[in-house]
Amino acid sequence: MPYTLHRGDALSVLSELPDASVDALITDPPYNSGGRTSSERTGRTA
């Protein structure tokens, strides 16, 4: 069974694929996700 790798914005790529055609979705969020500044990222507790 052939596999195809798609690289791009997940929402844009997925919207172009046929329904029920995806077996796995792997994402890599931006490194600094969770806040725009250092204090926003480190100021919160779990």
PDB file of N, CA and C in Angstrom:
ATOM      1  N   MET A   1       0.847  -1.178   0.000  1.00  0.00           N
ATOM      2  CA  MET A   1       0.000   0.000   0.000  1.00  0.00           C
ATOM      3  C   MET A   1       0.892   1.241   0.000  1.00  0.00           C
ATOM      4  N   PRO A   2       0.747   2.119  -0.971  1.00  0.00           N
ATOM      5  CA  PRO A   2       1.573   3.330  -1.021  1.00  0.00           C
ATOM      6  C   PRO A   2       1.126   4.362   0.017  1.00  0.00           C
ATOM      7  N   TYR A   3       2.093   5.041   0.561  1.00  0.00           N
ATOM      8  CA  TYR A   3       1.820   6.106   1.519  1.00  0.00           C
ATOM      9  C   TYR A   3       2.308   7.426   0.942  1.00  0.00           C
ATOM     10  N   THR A   4       1.639   8.502   1.296  1.00  0.00           N
ATOM     11  CA  THR A   4       2.020   9.830   0.835  1.00  0.00           C
ATOM     12  C   THR A   4       2.212  10.733   2.037  1.00  0.00           C
ATOM     13  N   LEU A   5       3.273  11.488   2.017  1.00  0.00           N
ATOM     14  CA  LEU A   5       3.558  12.453   3.077  1.00  0.00           C
ATOM     15  C   LEU A   5       3.164  13.835   2.581  1.00  0.00           C
ATOM     16  N   HIS A   6       2.379  14.541   3.379  1.00  0.00           N
ATOM     17  CA  HIS A   6       1.974  15.908   3.061  1.00  0.00           C
ATOM     18  C   HIS A   6       2.603  16.817   4.098  1.00  0.00           C
ATOM     19  N   ARG A   7       3.196  17.900   3.652  1.00  0.00           N
ATOM     20  CA  ARG A   7       3.801  18.853   4.568  1.00  0.00           C
ATOM     21  C   ARG A   7       3.147  20.206   4.368  1.00  0.00           C
ATOM     22  N   GLY A   8       2.684  20.811   5.464  1.00  0.00           N
ATOM     23  CA  GLY A   8       2.055  22.122   5.372  1.00  0.00           C
ATOM     24  C   GLY A   8       1.177  22.367   6.577  1.00  0.00           C
ATOM     25  N   ASP A   9       0.380  23.406   6.514  1.00  0.00           N
ATOM     26  CA  ASP A   9      -0.563  23.721   7.578  1.00  0.00           C
ATOM     27  C   ASP A   9      -1.613  22.620   7.643  1.00  0.00           C
ATOM     28  N   ALA A  10      -1.749  21.985   8.798  1.00  0.00           N
ATOM     29  CA  ALA A  10      -2.623  20.813   8.942  1.00  0.00           C
ATOM     30  C   ALA A  10      -4.057  21.100   8.494  1.00  0.00           C
ATOM     31  N   LEU A  11      -4.617  22.219   8.888  1.00  0.00           N
ATOM     32  CA  LEU A  11      -6.002  22.509   8.518  1.00  0.00           C
ATOM     33  C   LEU A  11      -6.157  22.710   7.019  1.00  0.00           C
ATOM     34  N   SER A  12      -5.197  23.342   6.382  1.00  0.00           N
ATOM     35  CA  SER A  12      -5.266  23.550   4.937  1.00  0.00           C
ATOM     36  C   SER A  12      -5.115  22.235   4.181  1.00  0.00           C
ATOM     37  N   VAL A  13      -4.140  21.432   4.584  1.00  0.00           N
ATOM     38  CA  VAL A  13      -3.885  20.159   3.895  1.00  0.00           C
ATOM     39  C   VAL A  13      -5.052  19.207   4.087  1.00  0.00           C
ATOM     40  N   LEU A  14      -5.539  19.083   5.318  1.00  0.00           N
ATOM     41  CA  LEU A  14      -6.632  18.145   5.584  1.00  0.00           C
ATOM     42  C   LEU A  14      -7.910  18.519   4.843  1.00  0.00           C
ATOM     43  N   SER A  15      -8.150  19.802   4.680  1.00  0.00           N
ATOM     44  CA  SER A  15      -9.378  20.214   3.991  1.00  0.00           C
ATOM     45  C   SER A  15      -9.370  19.816   2.517  1.00  0.00           C
ATOM     46  N   GLU A  16      -8.194  19.548   1.959  1.00  0.00           N
ATOM     47  CA  GLU A  16      -8.080  19.164   0.550  1.00  0.00           C
ATOM     48  C   GLU A  16      -8.120  17.656   0.341  1.00  0.00           C
ATOM     49  N   LEU A  17      -8.023  16.865   1.404  1.00  0.00           N
ATOM     50  CA  LEU A  17      -7.993  15.407   1.277  1.00  0.00           C
ATOM     51  C   LEU A  17      -9.407  14.831   1.337  1.00  0.00           C
ATOM     52  N   PRO A  18      -9.627  13.707   0.652  1.00  0.00           N
ATOM     53  CA  PRO A  18     -10.948  13.067   0.707  1.00  0.00           C
ATOM     54  C   PRO A  18     -11.273  12.559   2.114  1.00  0.00           C
ATOM     55  N   ASP A  19     -12.553  12.500   2.441  1.00  0.00           N
ATOM     56  CA  ASP A  19     -12.984  11.966   3.733  1.00  0.00           C
ATOM     57  C   ASP A  19     -12.483  10.538   3.906  1.00  0.00           C
ATOM     58  N   ALA A  20     -12.152  10.168   5.138  1.00  0.00           N
ATOM     59  CA  ALA A  20     -11.714   8.814   5.516  1.00  0.00           C
ATOM     60  C   ALA A  20     -10.455   8.374   4.774  1.00  0.00           C
ATOM     61  N   SER A  21      -9.585   9.313   4.397  1.00  0.00           N
ATOM     62  CA  SER A  21      -8.367   8.939   3.678  1.00  0.00           C
ATOM     63  C   SER A  21      -7.097   9.108   4.520  1.00  0.00           C
ATOM     64  N   VAL A  22      -7.237   9.488   5.789  1.00  0.00           N
ATOM     65  CA  VAL A  22      -6.080   9.729   6.649  1.00  0.00           C
ATOM     66  C   VAL A  22      -6.010   8.648   7.724  1.00  0.00           C
ATOM     67  N   ASP A  23      -4.835   7.995   7.825  1.00  0.00           N
ATOM     68  CA  ASP A  23      -4.623   6.987   8.857  1.00  0.00           C
ATOM     69  C   ASP A  23      -3.912   7.563  10.077  1.00  0.00           C
ATOM     70  N   ALA A  24      -3.104   8.604   9.879  1.00  0.00           N
ATOM     71  CA  ALA A  24      -2.361   9.200  10.993  1.00  0.00           C
ATOM     72  C   ALA A  24      -2.113  10.673  10.697  1.00  0.00           C
ATOM     73  N   LEU A  25      -2.061  11.458  11.769  1.00  0.00           N
ATOM     74  CA  LEU A  25      -1.761  12.883  11.657  1.00  0.00           C
ATOM     75  C   LEU A  25      -0.729  13.205  12.721  1.00  0.00           C
ATOM     76  N   ILE A  26       0.422  13.672  12.298  1.00  0.00           N
ATOM     77  CA  ILE A  26       1.501  14.026  13.215  1.00  0.00           C
ATOM     78  C   ILE A  26       1.764  15.510  13.045  1.00  0.00           C
ATOM     79  N   THR A  27       1.704  16.247  14.145  1.00  0.00           N
ATOM     80  CA  THR A  27       1.938  17.687  14.072  1.00  0.00           C
ATOM     81  C   THR A  27       3.140  18.063  14.928  1.00  0.00           C
ATOM     82  N   ASP A  28       3.726  19.180  14.635  1.00  0.00           N
ATOM     83  CA  ASP A  28       4.856  19.721  15.380  1.00  0.00           C
ATOM     84  C   ASP A  28       4.551  21.188  15.633  1.00  0.00           C
ATOM     85  N   PRO A  29       3.960  21.488  16.799  1.00  0.00           N
ATOM     86  CA  PRO A  29       3.597  22.882  17.066  1.00  0.00           C
ATOM     87  C   PRO A  29       4.826  23.782  17.157  1.00  0.00           C
ATOM     88  N   PRO A  30       4.639  25.068  16.981  1.00  0.00           N
ATOM     89  CA  PRO A  30       5.767  25.996  17.076  1.00  0.00           C
ATOM     90  C   PRO A  30       6.493  25.867  18.413  1.00  0.00           C
ATOM     91  N   TYR A  31       7.782  26.089  18.394  1.00  0.00           N
ATOM     92  CA  TYR A  31       8.631  25.944  19.584  1.00  0.00           C
ATOM     93  C   TYR A  31       8.132  26.778  20.758  1.00  0.00           C
ATOM     94  N   ASN A  32       7.740  27.993  20.514  1.00  0.00           N
ATOM     95  CA  ASN A  32       7.343  28.889  21.598  1.00  0.00           C
ATOM     96  C   ASN A  32       5.832  28.956  21.777  1.00  0.00           C
ATOM     97  N   SER A  33       5.126  27.886  21.487  1.00  0.00           N
ATOM     98  CA  SER A  33       3.668  27.936  21.619  1.00  0.00           C
ATOM     99  C   SER A  33       3.275  28.091  23.077  1.00  0.00           C
ATOM    100  N   GLY A  34       2.154  28.694  23.302  1.00  0.00           N
ATOM    101  CA  GLY A  34       1.671  28.862  24.661  1.00  0.00           C
ATOM    102  C   GLY A  34       1.736  30.287  25.160  1.00  0.00           C
ATOM    103  N   GLY A  35       2.292  31.180  24.395  1.00  0.00           N
ATOM    104  CA  GLY A  35       2.348  32.576  24.815  1.00  0.00           C
ATOM    105  C   GLY A  35       3.249  33.381  23.904  1.00  0.00           C
ATOM    106  N   ARG A  36       3.009  34.658  23.864  1.00  0.00           N
ATOM    107  CA  ARG A  36       3.805  35.518  22.983  1.00  0.00           C
ATOM    108  C   ARG A  36       5.107  35.958  23.628  1.00  0.00           C
ATOM    109  N   THR A  37       5.134  36.020  24.960  1.00  0.00           N
ATOM    110  CA  THR A  37       6.344  36.467  25.650  1.00  0.00           C
ATOM    111  C   THR A  37       6.804  35.405  26.630  1.00  0.00           C
ATOM    112  N   SER A  38       8.039  35.524  27.077  1.00  0.00           N
ATOM    113  CA  SER A  38       8.592  34.562  28.041  1.00  0.00           C
ATOM    114  C   SER A  38       7.777  34.526  29.324  1.00  0.00           C
ATOM    115  N   SER A  39       7.327  35.683  29.802  1.00  0.00           N
ATOM    116  CA  SER A  39       6.558  35.708  31.045  1.00  0.00           C
ATOM    117  C   SER A  39       5.193  35.032  30.880  1.00  0.00           C
ATOM    118  N   GLU A  40       4.602  35.115  29.696  1.00  0.00           N
ATOM    119  CA  GLU A  40       3.328  34.419  29.449  1.00  0.00           C
ATOM    120  C   GLU A  40       3.532  32.905  29.457  1.00  0.00           C
ATOM    121  N   ARG A  41       4.659  32.423  28.953  1.00  0.00           N
ATOM    122  CA  ARG A  41       4.907  30.986  28.881  1.00  0.00           C
ATOM    123  C   ARG A  41       5.310  30.405  30.227  1.00  0.00           C
ATOM    124  N   THR A  42       6.024  31.184  31.055  1.00  0.00           N
ATOM    125  CA  THR A  42       6.544  30.642  32.312  1.00  0.00           C
ATOM    126  C   THR A  42       5.722  31.077  33.527  1.00  0.00           C
ATOM    127  N   GLY A  43       4.831  32.015  33.373  1.00  0.00           N
ATOM    128  CA  GLY A  43       4.068  32.543  34.503  1.00  0.00           C
ATOM    129  C   GLY A  43       2.920  31.656  34.961  1.00  0.00           C
ATOM    130  N   ARG A  44       2.554  30.681  34.151  1.00  0.00           N
ATOM    131  CA  ARG A  44       1.437  29.804  34.510  1.00  0.00           C
ATOM    132  C   ARG A  44       1.938  28.552  35.211  1.00  0.00           C
ATOM    133  N   THR A  45       1.104  28.017  36.073  1.00  0.00           N
ATOM    134  CA  THR A  45       1.438  26.757  36.742  1.00  0.00           C
ATOM    135  C   THR A  45       0.510  25.659  36.231  1.00  0.00           C
ATOM    136  N   ALA A  46       0.946  24.443  36.385  1.00  0.00           N
ATOM    137  CA  ALA A  46       0.170  23.295  35.887  1.00  0.00           C
ATOM    138  C   ALA A  46      -1.078  23.044  36.704  1.00  0.00           C
TER     139      ALA A  46
END
